[in-house]
Protein backbone atom coordinates (compact mmCIF):
# COMPACT_ATOMS: atom_id res chain seq x y z
CA MET A 1 -0.06 -0.04 0.04
CA THR A 2 1.03 3.76 -0.65
CA THR A 3 1.00 5.94 2.17
CA LEU A 4 -1.26 8.89 1.43
CA LEU A 5 -0.97 11.00 4.74
CA GLU A 6 1.74 11.14 7.39
CA MET A 7 1.32 13.55 10.43
CA ARG A 8 4.39 13.58 12.58
CA GLY A 9 4.99 14.94 16.34
CA ILE A 10 1.82 17.05 16.02
CA THR A 11 1.75 19.09 18.86
CA LYS A 12 -1.09 21.68 19.71
CA THR A 13 -1.07 24.04 22.65
CA PHE A 14 -3.93 26.23 23.67
CA PRO A 15 -3.75 28.67 26.85
CA GLY A 16 -3.02 26.48 29.78
CA VAL A 17 -3.89 23.42 27.91
CA ARG A 18 -1.67 20.85 25.54
CA ALA A 19 -4.37 19.50 23.49
CA LEU A 20 -2.17 17.34 21.42
CA ASP A 21 1.24 15.98 22.52
CA ASN A 22 3.71 14.48 19.83
CA VAL A 23 0.80 12.71 17.96
CA THR A 24 1.98 10.42 14.87
CA LEU A 25 -0.52 9.21 12.32
CA THR A 26 -0.08 7.09 9.10
CA VAL A 27 -2.93 6.89 6.61
CA GLU A 28 -2.48 4.56 3.53
CA GLN A 29 -3.74 5.25 0.31
CA GLY A 30 -7.63 3.77 -0.17
CA GLU A 31 -7.93 2.59 3.37
CA ILE A 32 -10.56 3.60 6.07
CA HIS A 33 -8.57 4.57 9.24
CA ALA A 34 -10.57 4.80 12.56
CA ILE A 35 -9.57 7.02 15.16
CA CYS A 36 -10.70 6.37 18.85
CA GLY A 37 -10.29 8.05 21.99
CA GLU A 38 -12.22 9.36 25.10
CA ASN A 39 -14.08 12.86 24.83
CA GLY A 40 -11.12 15.40 25.20
CA ALA A 41 -8.34 12.93 24.07
CA GLY A 42 -7.77 15.38 20.88
CA LYS A 43 -9.38 13.29 18.09
CA SER A 44 -11.08 16.34 16.69
CA THR A 45 -8.22 18.80 17.58
CA LEU A 46 -5.97 16.62 14.96
CA MET A 47 -8.57 16.52 12.35
CA LYS A 48 -8.66 20.33 12.56
CA VAL A 49 -4.92 20.61 12.19
CA LEU A 50 -4.97 18.04 9.08
CA SER A 51 -8.20 20.07 7.65
CA GLY A 52 -6.52 23.64 7.97
CA VAL A 53 -9.35 24.88 10.38
CA TYR A 54 -5.93 25.27 12.57
CA PRO A 55 -3.17 26.51 10.25
CA HIS A 56 0.60 25.57 9.56
CA GLY A 57 2.33 27.73 12.00
CA SER A 58 -0.05 27.42 14.75
CA TYR A 59 0.92 23.92 15.73
CA GLU A 60 4.44 21.83 15.79
CA GLY A 61 5.34 19.11 13.84
CA GLU A 62 5.30 18.01 10.40
CA ILE A 63 2.33 16.76 7.83
CA VAL A 64 3.45 15.02 4.67
CA TYR A 65 0.63 14.31 2.00
CA ASP A 66 1.00 12.30 -0.91
CA GLY A 67 4.73 12.76 -0.39
CA THR A 68 4.71 16.55 -0.33
CA PRO A 69 4.99 18.64 2.97
CA LEU A 70 1.79 20.05 3.72
CA HIS A 71 1.34 23.89 5.00
CA LEU A 72 -2.41 24.81 4.98
CA ARG A 73 -3.35 28.25 5.30
CA ASP A 74 -6.98 27.47 6.18
CA ILE A 75 -9.77 25.14 5.25
CA ARG A 76 -10.15 26.44 1.57
CA ASP A 77 -6.53 25.42 0.87
CA SER A 78 -7.06 21.75 2.28
CA GLU A 79 -10.32 21.20 0.03
CA ALA A 80 -8.35 22.24 -3.01
CA ARG A 81 -6.01 19.38 -2.10
CA GLY A 82 -8.96 17.02 -1.92
CA ILE A 83 -9.04 17.09 1.78
CA ILE A 84 -12.49 17.39 2.91
CA ILE A 85 -13.92 17.08 6.44
CA ILE A 86 -17.39 16.61 7.68
CA HIS A 87 -18.00 17.72 11.40
CA GLN A 88 -20.06 16.07 13.87
CA GLU A 89 -22.72 19.47 13.72
CA LEU A 90 -23.43 19.15 10.13
CA ALA A 91 -22.68 22.57 8.04
CA LEU A 92 -25.63 22.80 5.94
CA VAL A 93 -28.26 25.79 5.65
CA PRO A 94 -31.58 24.69 6.19
CA LEU A 95 -33.25 27.43 4.32
CA LEU A 96 -31.42 26.62 1.11
CA SER A 97 -32.02 23.63 -1.39
CA ILE A 98 -29.74 20.56 -1.81
CA ALA A 99 -28.00 22.16 -4.88
CA GLU A 100 -27.51 25.25 -3.22
CA ASN A 101 -26.01 23.96 -0.19
CA MET A 102 -23.87 21.53 -2.20
CA PHE A 103 -21.93 24.27 -4.21
CA LEU A 104 -22.26 27.00 -1.62
CA GLY A 105 -18.77 28.75 -1.79
CA HIS A 106 -17.68 27.24 -5.10
CA GLU A 107 -20.74 27.77 -7.49
CA VAL A 108 -21.18 26.30 -10.73
CA ALA A 109 -21.01 30.10 -12.41
CA GLU A 110 -19.92 31.39 -15.81
CA ARG A 111 -18.63 35.01 -16.08
CA GLY A 112 -19.88 35.29 -12.72
CA ILE A 113 -23.42 34.47 -13.17
CA ILE A 114 -24.70 31.00 -11.67
CA ASN A 115 -25.86 28.27 -13.96
CA TRP A 116 -28.61 26.75 -12.17
CA GLN A 117 -29.52 24.13 -14.79
CA LYS A 118 -25.92 22.78 -14.72
CA ALA A 119 -25.66 23.05 -10.97
CA PHE A 120 -28.83 21.05 -10.48
CA LYS A 121 -27.79 18.55 -13.29
CA GLN A 122 -24.58 18.02 -11.50
CA ALA A 123 -26.16 17.89 -7.87
CA GLU A 124 -28.31 15.07 -9.01
CA GLY A 125 -25.69 12.99 -10.50
CA TRP A 126 -23.93 13.33 -7.01
CA LEU A 127 -26.96 12.34 -5.12
CA LYS A 128 -27.33 9.38 -6.85
CA LYS A 129 -23.76 8.40 -6.37
CA VAL A 130 -24.55 8.33 -2.54
CA GLY A 131 -28.11 6.87 -3.02
CA LEU A 132 -30.15 9.63 -2.65
CA ASP A 133 -33.29 9.87 -4.95
CA GLU A 134 -34.29 13.63 -3.53
CA PRO A 135 -35.11 16.31 -6.19
CA PRO A 136 -32.08 18.52 -5.86
CA GLY A 137 -34.38 21.66 -5.32
CA THR A 138 -35.78 20.00 -2.08
CA MET A 139 -35.02 22.27 0.99
CA VAL A 140 -32.44 20.80 3.26
CA GLY A 141 -34.06 21.56 6.52
CA LYS A 142 -37.30 19.39 5.35
CA LEU A 143 -34.79 16.31 5.39
CA GLY A 144 -33.88 13.90 8.15
CA VAL A 145 -30.55 13.99 9.59
CA GLY A 146 -29.53 10.90 7.97
CA LYS A 147 -30.29 12.17 4.50
CA GLN A 148 -28.36 15.48 5.41
CA GLN A 149 -25.61 13.29 6.34
CA LEU A 150 -25.48 11.90 2.78
CA ILE A 151 -25.61 15.21 1.30
CA GLU A 152 -22.58 16.33 3.08
CA ILE A 153 -20.66 13.35 1.51
CA ALA A 154 -22.25 14.19 -1.69
CA LYS A 155 -20.91 17.86 -1.23
CA ALA A 156 -17.71 16.39 -0.48
CA LEU A 157 -17.54 14.15 -3.58
CA ALA A 158 -18.33 17.17 -5.64
CA LYS A 159 -15.30 18.94 -4.41
CA ASP A 160 -13.38 15.83 -5.84
CA VAL A 161 -12.37 14.45 -2.48
CA ARG A 162 -9.33 12.29 -1.95
CA LEU A 163 -9.15 12.04 1.81
CA LEU A 164 -12.68 12.40 3.34
CA ILE A 165 -12.46 12.92 7.25
CA LEU A 166 -15.88 11.99 9.15
CA ASP A 167 -16.39 13.11 12.53
CA GLU A 168 -18.67 11.04 14.63
CA PRO A 169 -21.06 10.60 11.34
CA THR A 170 -23.68 8.25 12.95
CA ALA A 171 -23.92 9.82 16.38
CA ALA A 172 -27.31 11.63 15.69
CA LEU A 173 -28.61 8.69 13.13
CA GLN A 174 -30.96 5.88 13.68
CA GLU A 175 -29.75 2.35 12.98
CA ASN A 176 -31.13 2.14 9.48
CA ASP A 177 -29.42 4.98 8.56
CA SER A 178 -26.31 4.36 10.21
CA ALA A 179 -26.27 1.10 8.37
CA LYS A 180 -26.67 2.97 4.96
CA LEU A 181 -23.81 5.34 5.71
CA LEU A 182 -21.46 2.31 6.67
CA ASP A 183 -22.35 0.61 3.32
CA LEU A 184 -21.71 3.97 1.33
CA MET A 185 -18.29 4.28 3.21
CA LEU A 186 -17.39 0.78 2.11
CA GLU A 187 -18.50 1.55 -1.57
CA LEU A 188 -16.26 5.05 -1.41
CA LYS A 189 -13.08 2.70 -0.33
CA ALA A 190 -13.92 0.47 -3.33
CA GLN A 191 -13.70 3.70 -5.61
CA GLY A 192 -10.45 4.69 -3.93
CA VAL A 193 -11.58 7.22 -1.61
CA THR A 194 -9.39 7.39 1.47
CA GLN A 195 -11.26 8.03 4.81
CA ILE A 196 -10.63 8.75 8.34
CA ILE A 197 -13.54 8.18 10.85
CA ILE A 198 -13.80 9.29 14.37
CA SER A 199 -16.20 7.19 16.38
CA HIS A 200 -17.25 6.50 19.68
CA LYS A 201 -18.96 2.97 18.22
CA LEU A 202 -16.79 0.24 18.22
CA ASN A 203 -18.90 -2.31 16.63
CA GLU A 204 -19.24 0.19 13.68
CA ILE A 205 -15.53 0.78 13.71
CA ALA A 206 -14.76 -2.96 13.75
CA ARG A 207 -17.20 -3.19 10.42
CA VAL A 208 -15.35 -0.81 8.32
CA ALA A 209 -11.91 0.11 9.58
CA ASP A 210 -8.81 -1.35 8.08
CA ARG A 211 -6.76 0.20 11.09
CA ILE A 212 -7.28 2.00 14.20
CA THR A 213 -5.48 4.68 15.86
CA VAL A 214 -6.12 5.20 19.46
CA ILE A 215 -5.39 8.63 21.22
CA ARG A 216 -5.27 8.96 24.84
CA ASP A 217 -4.86 12.52 26.62
CA GLY A 218 -3.40 13.93 23.47
CA ALA A 219 -0.85 11.43 22.86
CA THR A 220 -0.74 8.42 20.57
CA VAL A 221 -1.31 5.22 22.30
CA SER A 222 -1.62 2.51 19.64
CA THR A 223 -2.22 1.73 16.01
CA MET A 224 -3.60 -1.78 15.19
CA GLY A 225 -4.61 -3.59 12.10
CA ARG A 226 -7.81 -4.98 11.26
CA GLN A 227 -6.69 -8.70 12.46
CA GLN A 228 -5.80 -7.06 15.87
CA ILE A 229 -9.00 -5.21 16.58
CA SER A 230 -10.96 -6.16 19.41
CA GLU A 231 -13.19 -4.12 21.68
CA ASP A 232 -11.35 -4.79 24.99
CA ARG A 233 -8.18 -3.92 23.39
CA ILE A 234 -9.47 -0.88 22.29
CA ILE A 235 -11.11 -0.02 25.51
CA LYS A 236 -8.11 -0.48 27.46
CA ASP A 237 -5.95 1.71 25.09
CA MET A 238 -8.60 4.27 25.35
CA VAL A 239 -9.25 4.52 29.01
CA GLY A 240 -5.78 3.48 30.14
CA ARG A 241 -7.45 0.45 32.37
CA ASP A 242 -9.30 -2.93 31.79
CA MET A 243 -12.90 -2.61 31.35
CA ALA A 244 -13.60 -6.27 32.36
CA HIS A 245 -16.34 -4.68 34.22
CA ARG A 246 -18.09 -2.33 31.95
CA TYR A 247 -20.91 -1.84 34.44
CA PRO A 248 -20.44 -0.96 38.24
CA GLU A 249 -21.21 -4.05 40.73
CA ARG A 250 -24.54 -3.57 41.97
CA HIS A 251 -26.74 -5.56 44.75
CA PRO A 252 -30.04 -3.75 44.32
CA GLN A 253 -32.66 -4.23 46.91
CA PRO A 254 -35.76 -2.61 45.44
CA GLY A 255 -38.24 -1.16 47.94
CA GLU A 256 -42.09 -0.22 47.69
CA VAL A 257 -43.41 1.04 44.45
CA LEU A 258 -42.63 4.70 43.71
CA LEU A 259 -43.96 5.19 40.43
CA GLU A 260 -46.80 3.57 38.77
CA VAL A 261 -48.45 4.11 35.39
CA ARG A 262 -51.93 2.72 34.44
CA ASN A 263 -53.16 2.29 30.89
CA TRP A 264 -51.43 5.50 29.35
CA SER A 265 -52.28 6.43 26.10
CA CYS A 266 -51.52 9.56 23.94
CA TRP A 267 -51.84 10.28 20.23
CA HIS A 268 -49.62 12.10 17.69
CA PRO A 269 -49.51 15.99 18.09
CA ASP A 270 -50.39 16.70 14.46
CA GLN A 271 -52.01 13.65 13.55
CA ALA A 272 -55.28 13.13 15.36
CA ASP A 273 -56.00 9.66 14.37
CA ARG A 274 -52.67 8.53 14.97
CA GLN A 275 -52.18 6.66 18.64
CA MET A 276 -48.83 6.82 19.60
CA ILE A 277 -48.86 5.19 22.89
CA LYS A 278 -51.33 2.54 23.46
CA ASP A 279 -52.51 1.45 27.15
CA ALA A 280 -49.22 1.43 28.66
CA SER A 281 -48.73 0.41 32.25
CA LEU A 282 -45.61 0.29 34.14
CA THR A 283 -44.18 0.33 37.66
CA VAL A 284 -40.85 1.70 39.21
CA ARG A 285 -39.86 0.76 42.79
CA LYS A 286 -37.52 2.64 45.17
CA GLY A 287 -33.77 1.95 44.58
CA GLU A 288 -34.78 0.12 41.09
CA ILE A 289 -33.21 0.81 37.51
CA VAL A 290 -36.04 -0.29 34.92
CA GLY A 291 -35.10 -0.23 31.54
CA ILE A 292 -37.27 0.23 28.27
CA ALA A 293 -36.17 -1.48 25.22
CA GLY A 294 -37.48 -1.24 21.76
CA LEU A 295 -36.35 -0.54 18.05
CA MET A 296 -36.45 3.06 16.82
CA GLY A 297 -40.15 4.29 16.51
CA ALA A 298 -41.31 1.83 19.18
CA GLY A 299 -42.62 4.86 21.12
CA ARG A 300 -40.06 4.92 23.85
CA THR A 301 -39.20 8.69 23.80
CA GLU A 302 -42.87 9.46 23.42
CA LEU A 303 -43.94 7.35 26.39
CA ALA A 304 -41.26 9.06 28.46
CA MET A 305 -42.17 12.73 27.32
CA SER A 306 -45.81 12.28 27.80
CA ILE A 307 -45.69 11.25 31.04
CA PHE A 308 -43.33 14.22 31.83
CA GLY A 309 -45.79 16.93 31.87
CA ARG A 310 -47.28 15.86 28.60
CA SER A 311 -44.45 17.51 27.03
CA TYR A 312 -45.13 15.25 23.82
CA GLY A 313 -48.80 14.25 22.02
CA LYS A 314 -52.46 14.98 22.29
CA GLY A 315 -55.50 13.52 23.91
CA HIS A 316 -53.42 11.79 26.98
CA ARG A 317 -55.42 9.40 29.03
CA GLY A 318 -54.57 7.21 31.83
CA GLU A 319 -53.43 7.60 35.41
CA VAL A 320 -49.97 8.17 37.07
CA ARG A 321 -49.32 7.59 40.73
CA MET A 322 -46.45 8.26 42.88
CA GLY A 323 -46.41 6.50 46.35
CA GLY A 324 -49.48 5.01 45.80
CA ARG A 325 -51.41 8.36 45.34
CA PRO A 326 -52.58 9.97 42.02
CA ILE A 327 -50.35 13.06 40.65
CA ASP A 328 -51.09 15.48 38.38
CA VAL A 329 -48.66 15.66 35.46
CA SER A 330 -50.44 17.59 32.94
CA THR A 331 -47.44 20.21 32.68
CA VAL A 332 -43.73 19.87 33.13
CA ALA A 333 -43.76 22.31 36.27
CA LYS A 334 -46.49 19.82 37.77
CA ALA A 335 -44.57 16.74 36.87
CA VAL A 336 -41.34 18.19 38.40
CA ALA A 337 -43.13 19.25 41.80
CA ALA A 338 -44.70 15.42 41.74
CA GLY A 339 -41.15 14.25 41.78
CA ILE A 340 -40.37 13.12 38.29
CA SER A 341 -37.52 14.53 36.09
CA TYR A 342 -36.63 13.65 32.48
CA VAL A 343 -33.07 13.61 31.07
CA THR A 344 -33.57 14.07 27.15
CA GLU A 345 -31.83 12.18 24.68
CA ASP A 346 -30.82 15.24 22.86
CA ARG A 347 -28.99 17.34 25.43
CA LYS A 348 -27.40 19.84 22.90
CA ALA A 349 -30.96 21.09 21.72
CA LEU A 350 -33.44 20.44 24.49
CA GLY A 351 -31.09 19.69 27.53
CA LEU A 352 -28.70 22.39 27.67
CA ILE A 353 -28.08 26.25 27.02
CA LEU A 354 -25.00 25.72 25.35
CA GLU A 355 -23.64 29.36 25.16
CA GLU A 356 -24.34 29.78 28.90
CA PRO A 357 -22.17 28.80 31.62
CA VAL A 358 -22.25 25.52 33.90
CA VAL A 359 -23.60 27.43 37.02
CA ARG A 360 -26.84 28.61 35.07
CA ASN A 361 -27.33 25.46 33.38
CA VAL A 362 -27.31 23.58 36.59
CA THR A 363 -29.71 25.83 38.56
CA LEU A 364 -31.97 26.35 35.57
CA ALA A 365 -34.85 23.82 36.48
CA ASN A 366 -35.10 24.93 40.17
CA LEU A 367 -34.48 28.58 40.25
CA PRO A 368 -36.53 28.98 43.43
CA GLY A 369 -33.92 27.01 45.13
CA VAL A 370 -31.15 29.57 44.31
CA SER A 371 -33.42 32.80 44.95
CA ALA A 372 -34.81 34.92 47.85
CA ARG A 373 -38.04 36.78 47.33
CA GLY A 374 -38.04 36.47 43.58
CA VAL A 375 -34.27 37.49 43.33
CA LEU A 376 -31.65 35.30 42.23
CA ASP A 377 -28.71 34.82 44.97
CA LYS A 378 -25.52 34.26 42.77
CA ARG A 379 -23.58 33.16 45.74
CA ARG A 380 -25.85 30.46 46.58
CA GLU A 381 -26.13 29.65 42.99
CA ALA A 382 -22.29 29.24 42.32
CA ARG A 383 -22.41 27.04 45.60
CA VAL A 384 -24.76 24.59 44.42
CA ALA A 385 -23.12 24.44 41.09
CA GLU A 386 -19.77 23.81 42.83
CA ASP A 387 -21.42 21.13 44.77
CA TYR A 388 -22.61 19.20 42.03
CA ARG A 389 -19.32 19.71 39.87
CA ARG A 390 -17.50 17.96 42.90
CA GLN A 391 -20.25 15.27 43.46
CA LEU A 392 -20.50 14.39 39.85
CA ALA A 393 -16.63 14.99 39.05
CA ILE A 394 -17.61 17.18 36.37
CA ARG A 395 -14.19 18.13 34.64
CA THR A 396 -14.19 21.91 33.84
CA PRO A 397 -11.93 24.66 34.98
CA GLY A 398 -14.87 26.10 36.80
CA VAL A 399 -18.54 26.60 37.07
CA GLN A 400 -18.32 29.67 34.79
CA GLN A 401 -17.20 27.74 32.08
CA LYS A 402 -19.39 27.84 29.25
CA VAL A 403 -21.08 24.44 28.70
CA VAL A 404 -20.43 24.26 24.73
CA ASN A 405 -16.73 23.88 25.67
CA LEU A 406 -17.41 20.65 27.68
CA SER A 407 -17.03 17.29 26.44
CA GLY A 408 -20.09 15.19 25.57
CA GLY A 409 -19.83 13.07 28.93
CA ASN A 410 -19.45 16.20 31.04
CA GLN A 411 -22.40 17.84 29.33
CA GLN A 412 -24.31 14.82 30.35
CA LYS A 413 -23.23 15.33 33.98
CA VAL A 414 -24.22 18.93 34.14
CA VAL A 415 -27.58 17.88 32.55
CA LEU A 416 -27.95 15.40 35.37
CA SER A 417 -26.94 17.96 37.89
CA LYS A 418 -29.66 20.16 36.47
CA TRP A 419 -32.46 17.55 37.22
CA LEU A 420 -30.93 16.33 40.54
CA PHE A 421 -30.99 19.75 41.89
CA THR A 422 -35.10 19.48 41.68
CA ASN A 423 -34.82 16.54 44.08
CA PRO A 424 -36.73 13.94 42.17
CA GLN A 425 -37.85 10.66 43.36
CA VAL A 426 -37.86 9.11 39.82
CA LEU A 427 -35.58 10.13 37.00
CA ILE A 428 -36.23 9.14 33.42
CA LEU A 429 -33.00 8.94 31.46
CA ASP A 430 -33.31 8.86 27.84
CA GLU A 431 -30.24 7.58 25.88
CA PRO A 432 -28.12 8.55 28.70
CA THR A 433 -24.90 7.70 27.08
CA ARG A 434 -25.51 8.58 23.59
CA GLY A 435 -22.38 10.27 21.96
CA ILE A 436 -19.98 9.76 24.91
CA ASP A 437 -16.92 7.61 25.31
CA VAL A 438 -16.63 4.20 27.09
CA GLY A 439 -14.81 5.98 30.12
CA ALA A 440 -17.57 8.58 30.55
CA LYS A 441 -20.13 5.75 30.18
CA PHE A 442 -18.70 4.14 33.12
CA GLU A 443 -18.94 7.26 35.04
CA ILE A 444 -22.65 7.81 34.09
CA TYR A 445 -23.53 4.18 35.18
CA THR A 446 -21.96 4.74 38.54
CA ILE A 447 -23.78 7.96 39.18
CA MET A 448 -26.98 5.90 38.27
CA LYS A 449 -26.10 2.98 40.65
CA ASP A 450 -25.35 5.71 43.44
CA LEU A 451 -28.66 7.47 42.92
CA ALA A 452 -30.48 4.06 43.09
CA GLU A 453 -28.53 3.10 46.28
CA GLN A 454 -29.97 6.65 47.81
CA GLY A 455 -33.61 4.92 47.17
CA ARG A 456 -34.70 6.85 43.92
CA GLY A 457 -36.24 4.97 40.99
CA ILE A 458 -34.61 5.35 37.42
CA VAL A 459 -36.22 4.61 34.26
CA MET A 460 -33.34 4.31 31.46
CA ILE A 461 -34.29 4.07 27.59
CA SER A 462 -31.62 3.06 25.65
CA SER A 463 -31.04 1.77 22.03
CA GLU A 464 -28.04 -0.47 23.41
CA MET A 465 -29.22 -3.95 24.50
CA PRO A 466 -26.06 -4.80 26.71
CA GLU A 467 -25.99 -1.67 28.27
CA LEU A 468 -29.67 -2.19 29.46
CA LEU A 469 -28.75 -6.10 30.40
CA GLY A 470 -25.87 -4.79 32.25
CA MET A 471 -27.60 -2.10 34.11
CA CYS A 472 -31.05 -2.77 34.65
CA ASP A 473 -33.18 -4.65 37.46
CA ARG A 474 -36.21 -5.17 35.05
CA ILE A 475 -36.81 -4.37 31.42
CA TYR A 476 -39.95 -3.60 29.52
CA VAL A 477 -40.18 -4.23 25.86
CA MET A 478 -41.99 -1.83 23.43
CA ASN A 479 -43.28 -2.32 19.94
CA GLU A 480 -45.48 -0.05 18.01
CA GLY A 481 -46.42 2.10 20.95
CA ARG A 482 -47.45 -0.69 23.29
CA ILE A 483 -45.56 -2.49 25.98
CA VAL A 484 -45.27 -5.94 24.70
CA GLY A 485 -43.24 -7.64 27.48
CA GLU A 486 -41.15 -7.41 30.78
CA LEU A 487 -38.15 -9.59 31.69
CA ALA A 488 -36.60 -10.06 34.96
CA ARG A 489 -32.67 -9.21 35.60
CA GLY A 490 -32.05 -13.02 35.50
CA GLU A 491 -34.09 -13.96 32.55
CA ALA A 492 -33.37 -11.12 30.15
CA SER A 493 -31.33 -11.45 27.09
CA GLN A 494 -30.83 -9.82 23.70
CA GLU A 495 -32.76 -12.79 22.16
CA LYS A 496 -35.65 -12.75 24.16
CA ILE A 497 -35.82 -8.88 24.04
CA MET A 498 -35.85 -9.22 20.07
CA GLY A 499 -38.18 -12.19 20.29
CA MET A 500 -40.64 -10.11 22.07
CA ILE A 501 -40.29 -7.05 19.87
CA LEU A 502 -40.73 -9.25 16.55
CA LYS A 503 -43.56 -11.25 17.93
CA GLY A 504 -45.22 -8.20 19.50
CA GLU A 505 -46.37 -10.18 22.46
CA GLY A 506 -44.73 -11.13 25.74
CA LYS A 507 -45.35 -11.65 29.50
CA ALA A 508 -47.97 -8.99 30.35
CA ALA A 509 -46.54 -6.00 32.10
């Protein structure tokens, strides 16, 4: 194989922080090379060096690309050489069409006038290459995240890409869209496109990667070939310790029933005849972690949000009890007052105000708790945030740090802190470890364990069955808006869960 890229001794320093420390990376022509590491390990920083976001001179070390030293001035310079990066946060303009997005900044123009007919025809051709049959005139904002990700790749192909960098490309995708994207990566590899993928999803990496480089604390730890790839080794290299026990040891002793949901139903917010949740019933005991399993679209999030202050759906019907007594969950404020909290699956859009500091986010759901006579007590607010920073080991220079600058795992701890400050009896955690690395996952699991040991009830919604099996005392299985089965910890398995989903039946909950 021919070496396409060599990054030698790359060191990048920010004020007070060494983000990269003598990193070395070699990528062969035509391979898919994965980069793994915990949040904050330096993966994205390394790719920003490679793509010109951090120009030559702002870092130490040497980059050799296609046998020639690479001195990039900016991202346009890297794109001109066929190095294209697709960031985790997609850079598409929702109010423009697919074609307009694809050629934004390098328009198909003749004598300064855009040739729309030619642009649309070219866009149609590139869209076919990535398996999209959407008309080029379609507004991007009307498309799902999976299709938007494919548009980004089509956009890269239109720029004559030689080295495609994908930063967490499947983080926001459903299972089917993730599978399509991975298939496309393999097709592009067959066409000779070299690719670098940053991902936390080890099963996906094992499927597509030819080699893996692991980065820890800003330094290269190891590079392994396809034959050497194993989840255990990757995890050990990422976190610097064995993860033989992926989940903290628990000795649950469930107490009396805390939360009881009886015959809960609701309908789609915009389609009055479409019932989303169908007579769902469940219980959660003190000190118990209860899982909800199901495929995408099964209604897990809709169930959780509809219980939490009817924040999803219309025409709600059924009863919710706390400690044996009926409670009012008709608004979010009333649900919180009754002792229920909900940690959303989309922490960036719905769980946090990213441009605000940690202190403001932690206290946001319980401002009366840091106020006196309607006036915010900033000293008390700072003390509360500092307490949660210590308790949950939130890694941040201080509580005045903006949340947008924290890693995914630390952002998730801030969301948990926000809801813990409301002193809930029951926490509903929707995909609590999505988009965070294995080390941070273990920390979140440990927090869940500690909360259960305090006597709180926890509902855990997750798309990762091993996670549910590793953490939950009981698992409810959902399919098409119904709870179709219930499994105790000792009898639960991936096969039984999938069997219940596919049959749509099981032991009554």
